[in-house]
PDB file of N, CA and C in Angstrom:
ATOM      1  N   MET A   1       0.911  -1.168  -0.016  1.00  0.00           N
ATOM      2  CA  MET A   1       0.065  -0.009   0.007  1.00  0.00           C
ATOM      3  C   MET A   1       0.892   1.228   0.002  1.00  0.00           C
ATOM      4  N   SER A   2       0.586   2.194  -0.736  1.00  0.00           N
ATOM      5  CA  SER A   2       1.341   3.460  -0.869  1.00  0.00           C
ATOM      6  C   SER A   2       1.206   4.241   0.356  1.00  0.00           C
ATOM      7  N   CYS A   3       2.146   5.102   0.698  1.00  0.00           N
ATOM      8  CA  CYS A   3       2.075   5.960   1.854  1.00  0.00           C
ATOM      9  C   CYS A   3       0.844   6.827   1.857  1.00  0.00           C
ATOM     10  N   MET A   4       0.580   7.371   0.705  1.00  0.00           N
ATOM     11  CA  MET A   4      -0.554   8.319   0.633  1.00  0.00           C
ATOM     12  C   MET A   4      -1.900   7.548   0.864  1.00  0.00           C
ATOM     13  N   LYS A   5      -2.037   6.453   0.323  1.00  0.00           N
ATOM     14  CA  LYS A   5      -3.235   5.641   0.636  1.00  0.00           C
ATOM     15  C   LYS A   5      -3.365   5.355   2.067  1.00  0.00           C
ATOM     16  N   ARG A   6      -2.266   4.900   2.610  1.00  0.00           N
ATOM     17  CA  ARG A   6      -2.323   4.572   4.115  1.00  0.00           C
ATOM     18  C   ARG A   6      -2.555   5.787   4.932  1.00  0.00           C
ATOM     19  N   TYR A   7      -2.025   6.925   4.568  1.00  0.00           N
ATOM     20  CA  TYR A   7      -2.332   8.174   5.312  1.00  0.00           C
ATOM     21  C   TYR A   7      -3.814   8.495   5.239  1.00  0.00           C
ATOM     22  N   ILE A   8      -4.428   8.484   4.009  1.00  0.00           N
ATOM     23  CA  ILE A   8      -5.835   8.703   3.888  1.00  0.00           C
ATOM     24  C   ILE A   8      -6.651   7.854   4.806  1.00  0.00           C
ATOM     25  N   GLU A   9      -6.376   6.575   4.862  1.00  0.00           N
ATOM     26  CA  GLU A   9      -7.171   5.606   5.489  1.00  0.00           C
ATOM     27  C   GLU A   9      -6.915   5.880   7.136  1.00  0.00           C
ATOM     28  N   ASP A  10      -5.689   6.213   7.491  1.00  0.00           N
ATOM     29  CA  ASP A  10      -5.401   6.545   8.879  1.00  0.00           C
ATOM     30  C   ASP A  10      -6.053   7.826   9.328  1.00  0.00           C
ATOM     31  N   ALA A  11      -6.057   8.803   8.544  1.00  0.00           N
ATOM     32  CA  ALA A  11      -6.592  10.027   8.756  1.00  0.00           C
ATOM     33  C   ALA A  11      -8.111   9.914   8.866  1.00  0.00           C
ATOM     34  N   ARG A  12      -8.743   9.074   8.047  1.00  0.00           N
ATOM     35  CA  ARG A  12     -10.228   8.778   8.188  1.00  0.00           C
ATOM     36  C   ARG A  12     -10.517   8.061   9.480  1.00  0.00           C
ATOM     37  N   GLU A  13      -9.597   7.134   9.823  1.00  0.00           N
ATOM     38  CA  GLU A  13      -9.889   6.339  11.128  1.00  0.00           C
ATOM     39  C   GLU A  13      -9.814   7.336  12.326  1.00  0.00           C
ATOM     40  N   VAL A  14      -8.840   8.214  12.306  1.00  0.00           N
ATOM     41  CA  VAL A  14      -8.649   9.176  13.385  1.00  0.00           C
ATOM     42  C   VAL A  14      -9.842  10.124  13.404  1.00  0.00           C
ATOM     43  N   SER A  15     -10.379  10.614  12.224  1.00  0.00           N
ATOM     44  CA  SER A  15     -11.454  11.531  12.231  1.00  0.00           C
ATOM     45  C   SER A  15     -12.704  10.917  12.825  1.00  0.00           C
ATOM     46  N   VAL A  16     -12.975   9.635  12.432  1.00  0.00           N
ATOM     47  CA  VAL A  16     -14.148   8.913  12.917  1.00  0.00           C
ATOM     48  C   VAL A  16     -14.029   8.815  14.569  1.00  0.00           C
ATOM     49  N   ALA A  17     -12.908   8.251  14.928  1.00  0.00           N
ATOM     50  CA  ALA A  17     -12.705   8.179  16.410  1.00  0.00           C
ATOM     51  C   ALA A  17     -12.861   9.444  17.170  1.00  0.00           C
ATOM     52  N   ALA A  18     -12.320  10.575  16.634  1.00  0.00           N
ATOM     53  CA  ALA A  18     -12.418  11.814  17.255  1.00  0.00           C
ATOM     54  C   ALA A  18     -13.756  12.294  17.262  1.00  0.00           C
ATOM     55  N   GLY A  19     -14.554  12.151  16.190  1.00  0.00           N
ATOM     56  CA  GLY A  19     -15.925  12.537  16.114  1.00  0.00           C
ATOM     57  C   GLY A  19     -16.780  11.810  17.200  1.00  0.00           C
ATOM     58  N   LEU A  20     -16.537  10.510  17.269  1.00  0.00           N
ATOM     59  CA  LEU A  20     -17.284   9.727  18.265  1.00  0.00           C
ATOM     60  C   LEU A  20     -16.937  10.146  19.743  1.00  0.00           C
ATOM     61  N   ALA A  21     -15.626  10.525  19.899  1.00  0.00           N
ATOM     62  CA  ALA A  21     -15.177  10.976  21.207  1.00  0.00           C
ATOM     63  C   ALA A  21     -15.960  12.168  21.677  1.00  0.00           C
ATOM     64  N   ALA A  22     -16.129  13.074  20.682  1.00  0.00           N
ATOM     65  CA  ALA A  22     -16.854  14.394  21.008  1.00  0.00           C
ATOM     66  C   ALA A  22     -18.298  14.167  21.442  1.00  0.00           C
ATOM     67  N   LEU A  23     -18.821  12.950  21.228  1.00  0.00           N
ATOM     68  CA  LEU A  23     -20.269  12.773  21.535  1.00  0.00           C
ATOM     69  C   LEU A  23     -20.516  12.163  22.905  1.00  0.00           C
ATOM     70  N   HIS A  24     -19.430  11.834  23.543  1.00  0.00           N
ATOM     71  CA  HIS A  24     -19.614  11.315  24.952  1.00  0.00           C
ATOM     72  C   HIS A  24     -20.348  12.315  25.809  1.00  0.00           C
ATOM     73  N   ALA A  25     -21.077  11.734  26.863  1.00  0.00           N
ATOM     74  CA  ALA A  25     -21.890  12.543  27.669  1.00  0.00           C
ATOM     75  C   ALA A  25     -21.241  13.513  28.613  1.00  0.00           C
ATOM     76  N   THR A  26     -20.251  12.976  29.239  1.00  0.00           N
ATOM     77  CA  THR A  26     -19.577  13.874  30.327  1.00  0.00           C
ATOM     78  C   THR A  26     -18.175  14.231  29.828  1.00  0.00           C
ATOM     79  N   PRO A  27     -17.739  15.393  30.296  1.00  0.00           N
ATOM     80  CA  PRO A  27     -16.315  15.850  30.002  1.00  0.00           C
ATOM     81  C   PRO A  27     -15.271  14.757  30.289  1.00  0.00           C
ATOM     82  N   ARG A  28     -15.379  14.122  31.375  1.00  0.00           N
ATOM     83  CA  ARG A  28     -14.422  13.028  31.778  1.00  0.00           C
ATOM     84  C   ARG A  28     -14.440  11.895  30.695  1.00  0.00           C
ATOM     85  N   ASP A  29     -15.488  11.462  30.283  1.00  0.00           N
ATOM     86  CA  ASP A  29     -15.578  10.549  29.238  1.00  0.00           C
ATOM     87  C   ASP A  29     -15.019  11.029  27.954  1.00  0.00           C
ATOM     88  N   ARG A  30     -15.322  12.291  27.581  1.00  0.00           N
ATOM     89  CA  ARG A  30     -14.797  12.831  26.342  1.00  0.00           C
ATOM     90  C   ARG A  30     -13.249  12.926  26.410  1.00  0.00           C
ATOM     91  N   LEU A  31     -12.813  13.276  27.573  1.00  0.00           N
ATOM     92  CA  LEU A  31     -11.250  13.414  27.767  1.00  0.00           C
ATOM     93  C   LEU A  31     -10.578  12.110  27.622  1.00  0.00           C
ATOM     94  N   LYS A  32     -11.271  11.025  28.239  1.00  0.00           N
ATOM     95  CA  LYS A  32     -10.769   9.660  28.145  1.00  0.00           C
ATOM     96  C   LYS A  32     -10.738   9.238  26.698  1.00  0.00           C
ATOM     97  N   ALA A  33     -11.860   9.416  26.004  1.00  0.00           N
ATOM     98  CA  ALA A  33     -11.929   8.990  24.564  1.00  0.00           C
ATOM     99  C   ALA A  33     -10.928   9.681  23.663  1.00  0.00           C
ATOM    100  N   ILE A  34     -10.714  11.064  23.865  1.00  0.00           N
ATOM    101  CA  ILE A  34      -9.891  11.792  22.941  1.00  0.00           C
ATOM    102  C   ILE A  34      -8.473  11.495  23.249  1.00  0.00           C
ATOM    103  N   THR A  35      -8.081  11.051  24.527  1.00  0.00           N
ATOM    104  CA  THR A  35      -6.817  10.586  24.864  1.00  0.00           C
ATOM    105  C   THR A  35      -6.471   9.321  24.177  1.00  0.00           C
ATOM    106  N   HIS A  36      -7.478   8.461  24.014  1.00  0.00           N
ATOM    107  CA  HIS A  36      -7.231   7.308  23.263  1.00  0.00           C
ATOM    108  C   HIS A  36      -7.012   7.559  21.763  1.00  0.00           C
ATOM    109  N   VAL A  37      -7.705   8.540  21.279  1.00  0.00           N
ATOM    110  CA  VAL A  37      -7.578   8.977  19.861  1.00  0.00           C
ATOM    111  C   VAL A  37      -6.124   9.461  19.697  1.00  0.00           C
ATOM    112  N   PHE A  38      -5.634  10.226  20.609  1.00  0.00           N
ATOM    113  CA  PHE A  38      -4.252  10.803  20.476  1.00  0.00           C
ATOM    114  C   PHE A  38      -3.245   9.723  20.523  1.00  0.00           C
ATOM    115  N   GLU A  39      -3.472   8.680  21.361  1.00  0.00           N
ATOM    116  CA  GLU A  39      -2.548   7.538  21.329  1.00  0.00           C
ATOM    117  C   GLU A  39      -2.617   6.759  20.101  1.00  0.00           C
ATOM    118  N   LEU A  40      -3.783   6.682  19.492  1.00  0.00           N
ATOM    119  CA  LEU A  40      -3.913   6.016  18.181  1.00  0.00           C
ATOM    120  C   LEU A  40      -3.161   6.783  17.193  1.00  0.00           C
ATOM    121  N   CYS A  41      -3.149   8.156  17.202  1.00  0.00           N
ATOM    122  CA  CYS A  41      -2.292   8.879  16.289  1.00  0.00           C
ATOM    123  C   CYS A  41      -0.950   8.505  16.378  1.00  0.00           C
ATOM    124  N   GLY A  42      -0.408   8.415  17.541  1.00  0.00           N
ATOM    125  CA  GLY A  42       0.986   7.984  17.764  1.00  0.00           C
ATOM    126  C   GLY A  42       1.350   6.583  17.177  1.00  0.00           C
ATOM    127  N   THR A  43       0.443   5.722  17.429  1.00  0.00           N
ATOM    128  CA  THR A  43       0.531   4.312  17.020  1.00  0.00           C
ATOM    129  C   THR A  43       0.593   4.196  15.494  1.00  0.00           C
ATOM    130  N   LEU A  44      -0.335   4.944  14.949  1.00  0.00           N
ATOM    131  CA  LEU A  44      -0.475   4.951  13.374  1.00  0.00           C
ATOM    132  C   LEU A  44       0.790   5.626  12.780  1.00  0.00           C
ATOM    133  N   ALA A  45       1.203   6.690  13.395  1.00  0.00           N
ATOM    134  CA  ALA A  45       2.378   7.442  12.829  1.00  0.00           C
ATOM    135  C   ALA A  45       3.674   6.640  12.837  1.00  0.00           C
ATOM    136  N   ASN A  46       3.755   5.663  13.684  1.00  0.00           N
ATOM    137  CA  ASN A  46       5.073   4.833  13.707  1.00  0.00           C
ATOM    138  C   ASN A  46       5.229   4.093  12.444  1.00  0.00           C
ATOM    139  N   HIS A  47       4.228   3.938  11.547  1.00  0.00           N
ATOM    140  CA  HIS A  47       4.420   3.159  10.320  1.00  0.00           C
ATOM    141  C   HIS A  47       5.010   4.063   9.232  1.00  0.00           C
ATOM    142  N   TYR A  48       5.343   5.277   9.485  1.00  0.00           N
ATOM    143  CA  TYR A  48       5.754   6.226   8.411  1.00  0.00           C
ATOM    144  C   TYR A  48       7.300   6.599   8.571  1.00  0.00           C
ATOM    145  N   HIS A  49       7.876   7.038   7.574  1.00  0.00           N
ATOM    146  CA  HIS A  49       9.307   7.433   7.637  1.00  0.00           C
ATOM    147  C   HIS A  49       9.553   8.603   8.563  1.00  0.00           C
ATOM    148  N   THR A  50       8.589   9.517   8.727  1.00  0.00           N
ATOM    149  CA  THR A  50       8.760  10.695   9.528  1.00  0.00           C
ATOM    150  C   THR A  50       7.587  10.620  10.543  1.00  0.00           C
ATOM    151  N   PRO A  51       7.727   9.749  11.532  1.00  0.00           N
ATOM    152  CA  PRO A  51       6.531   9.596  12.553  1.00  0.00           C
ATOM    153  C   PRO A  51       6.150  10.846  13.188  1.00  0.00           C
ATOM    154  N   HIS A  52       7.120  11.642  13.557  1.00  0.00           N
ATOM    155  CA  HIS A  52       6.813  12.967  14.272  1.00  0.00           C
ATOM    156  C   HIS A  52       5.878  13.849  13.490  1.00  0.00           C
ATOM    157  N   THR A  53       6.160  13.928  12.213  1.00  0.00           N
ATOM    158  CA  THR A  53       5.408  14.848  11.310  1.00  0.00           C
ATOM    159  C   THR A  53       4.027  14.299  11.101  1.00  0.00           C
ATOM    160  N   VAL A  54       3.927  13.047  10.886  1.00  0.00           N
ATOM    161  CA  VAL A  54       2.639  12.355  10.675  1.00  0.00           C
ATOM    162  C   VAL A  54       1.769  12.400  11.920  1.00  0.00           C
ATOM    163  N   ALA A  55       2.366  12.149  13.075  1.00  0.00           N
ATOM    164  CA  ALA A  55       1.708  12.228  14.370  1.00  0.00           C
ATOM    165  C   ALA A  55       1.112  13.552  14.544  1.00  0.00           C
ATOM    166  N   GLN A  56       1.898  14.591  14.172  1.00  0.00           N
ATOM    167  CA  GLN A  56       1.466  15.957  14.413  1.00  0.00           C
ATOM    168  C   GLN A  56       0.296  16.231  13.470  1.00  0.00           C
ATOM    169  N   MET A  57       0.319  15.817  12.244  1.00  0.00           N
ATOM    170  CA  MET A  57      -0.773  16.068  11.265  1.00  0.00           C
ATOM    171  C   MET A  57      -2.111  15.234  11.771  1.00  0.00           C
ATOM    172  N   LEU A  58      -1.905  14.089  12.267  1.00  0.00           N
ATOM    173  CA  LEU A  58      -3.061  13.292  12.688  1.00  0.00           C
ATOM    174  C   LEU A  58      -3.702  13.931  14.030  1.00  0.00           C
ATOM    175  N   VAL A  59      -2.827  14.310  14.926  1.00  0.00           N
ATOM    176  CA  VAL A  59      -3.328  14.947  16.099  1.00  0.00           C
ATOM    177  C   VAL A  59      -4.089  16.287  15.790  1.00  0.00           C
ATOM    178  N   HIS A  60      -3.622  17.036  14.833  1.00  0.00           N
ATOM    179  CA  HIS A  60      -4.257  18.223  14.401  1.00  0.00           C
ATOM    180  C   HIS A  60      -5.637  17.870  13.778  1.00  0.00           C
ATOM    181  N   ARG A  61      -5.694  16.888  13.021  1.00  0.00           N
ATOM    182  CA  ARG A  61      -6.933  16.481  12.332  1.00  0.00           C
ATOM    183  C   ARG A  61      -7.900  15.965  13.423  1.00  0.00           C
ATOM    184  N   ALA A  62      -7.448  15.250  14.443  1.00  0.00           N
ATOM    185  CA  ALA A  62      -8.264  14.714  15.470  1.00  0.00           C
ATOM    186  C   ALA A  62      -8.881  15.868  16.275  1.00  0.00           C
ATOM    187  N   ALA A  63      -7.997  16.880  16.627  1.00  0.00           N
ATOM    188  CA  ALA A  63      -8.400  17.987  17.400  1.00  0.00           C
ATOM    189  C   ALA A  63      -9.468  18.834  16.611  1.00  0.00           C
ATOM    190  N   ASP A  64      -9.277  19.028  15.416  1.00  0.00           N
ATOM    191  CA  ASP A  64     -10.274  19.798  14.510  1.00  0.00           C
ATOM    192  C   ASP A  64     -11.504  19.080  14.463  1.00  0.00           C
ATOM    193  N   THR A  65     -11.577  17.851  14.174  1.00  0.00           N
ATOM    194  CA  THR A  65     -12.769  16.916  14.045  1.00  0.00           C
ATOM    195  C   THR A  65     -13.629  16.992  15.420  1.00  0.00           C
ATOM    196  N   PHE A  66     -12.832  16.747  16.484  1.00  0.00           N
ATOM    197  CA  PHE A  66     -13.454  16.871  17.789  1.00  0.00           C
ATOM    198  C   PHE A  66     -14.129  18.144  18.054  1.00  0.00           C
ATOM    199  N   ARG A  67     -13.400  19.261  17.828  1.00  0.00           N
ATOM    200  CA  ARG A  67     -13.916  20.615  18.063  1.00  0.00           C
ATOM    201  C   ARG A  67     -15.167  20.810  17.257  1.00  0.00           C
ATOM    202  N   ILE A  68     -14.996  20.573  15.977  1.00  0.00           N
ATOM    203  CA  ILE A  68     -16.187  20.868  15.062  1.00  0.00           C
ATOM    204  C   ILE A  68     -17.424  20.034  15.407  1.00  0.00           C
ATOM    205  N   THR A  69     -17.180  18.764  15.688  1.00  0.00           N
ATOM    206  CA  THR A  69     -18.228  17.865  16.054  1.00  0.00           C
ATOM    207  C   THR A  69     -18.941  18.309  17.372  1.00  0.00           C
ATOM    208  N   ARG A  70     -18.079  18.593  18.304  1.00  0.00           N
ATOM    209  CA  ARG A  70     -18.647  19.098  19.646  1.00  0.00           C
ATOM    210  C   ARG A  70     -19.469  20.355  19.451  1.00  0.00           C
ATOM    211  N   ARG A  71     -18.925  21.298  18.655  1.00  0.00           N
ATOM    212  CA  ARG A  71     -19.598  22.538  18.433  1.00  0.00           C
ATOM    213  C   ARG A  71     -21.028  22.328  17.732  1.00  0.00           C
ATOM    214  N   ASN A  72     -20.969  21.464  16.688  1.00  0.00           N
ATOM    215  CA  ASN A  72     -22.227  21.229  16.044  1.00  0.00           C
ATOM    216  C   ASN A  72     -23.245  20.462  16.995  1.00  0.00           C
ATOM    217  N   PHE A  73     -22.741  19.513  17.658  1.00  0.00           N
ATOM    218  CA  PHE A  73     -23.559  18.751  18.666  1.00  0.00           C
ATOM    219  C   PHE A  73     -24.272  19.601  19.709  1.00  0.00           C
ATOM    220  N   THR A  74     -23.455  20.582  20.235  1.00  0.00           N
ATOM    221  CA  THR A  74     -24.049  21.564  21.278  1.00  0.00           C
ATOM    222  C   THR A  74     -24.915  22.525  20.638  1.00  0.00           C
ATOM    223  N   GLN A  75     -24.691  22.977  19.479  1.00  0.00           N
ATOM    224  CA  GLN A  75     -25.498  23.879  18.790  1.00  0.00           C
ATOM    225  C   GLN A  75     -26.937  23.212  18.454  1.00  0.00           C
ATOM    226  N   GLU A  76     -26.829  22.013  18.011  1.00  0.00           N
ATOM    227  CA  GLU A  76     -28.088  21.350  17.650  1.00  0.00           C
ATOM    228  C   GLU A  76     -28.917  21.081  18.962  1.00  0.00           C
ATOM    229  N   HIS A  77     -28.269  20.769  20.080  1.00  0.00           N
ATOM    230  CA  HIS A  77     -29.035  20.572  21.253  1.00  0.00           C
ATOM    231  C   HIS A  77     -29.511  21.828  21.924  1.00  0.00           C
ATOM    232  N   ALA A  78     -28.759  22.949  21.695  1.00  0.00           N
ATOM    233  CA  ALA A  78     -29.214  24.225  22.178  1.00  0.00           C
ATOM    234  C   ALA A  78     -30.438  24.795  21.528  1.00  0.00           C
ATOM    235  N   THR A  79     -30.597  24.453  20.253  1.00  0.00           N
ATOM    236  CA  THR A  79     -31.860  24.980  19.508  1.00  0.00           C
ATOM    237  C   THR A  79     -32.915  23.909  19.634  1.00  0.00           C
ATOM    238  N   ALA A  80     -32.692  22.772  20.116  1.00  0.00           N
ATOM    239  CA  ALA A  80     -33.872  21.857  20.211  1.00  0.00           C
ATOM    240  C   ALA A  80     -34.784  22.036  21.342  1.00  0.00           C
TER     241      ALA A  80
END
């Protein structure tokens, strides 16, 4: 598998996991879930030639996905 294809699949996996982490009911559960996502980023990044760079990109993606999902979720429930 090419590095680019692997990265796309890894980034998708991180995004899904971060999005699910944002939906947990309590802050403690969300923190625990996003911590596991960040650990996943490090594990996935170890398969690349520059793991530090890839880990940084995956963590950034996870954080963005978490933030956007959380914002959308709270806005939907605030208007309901």
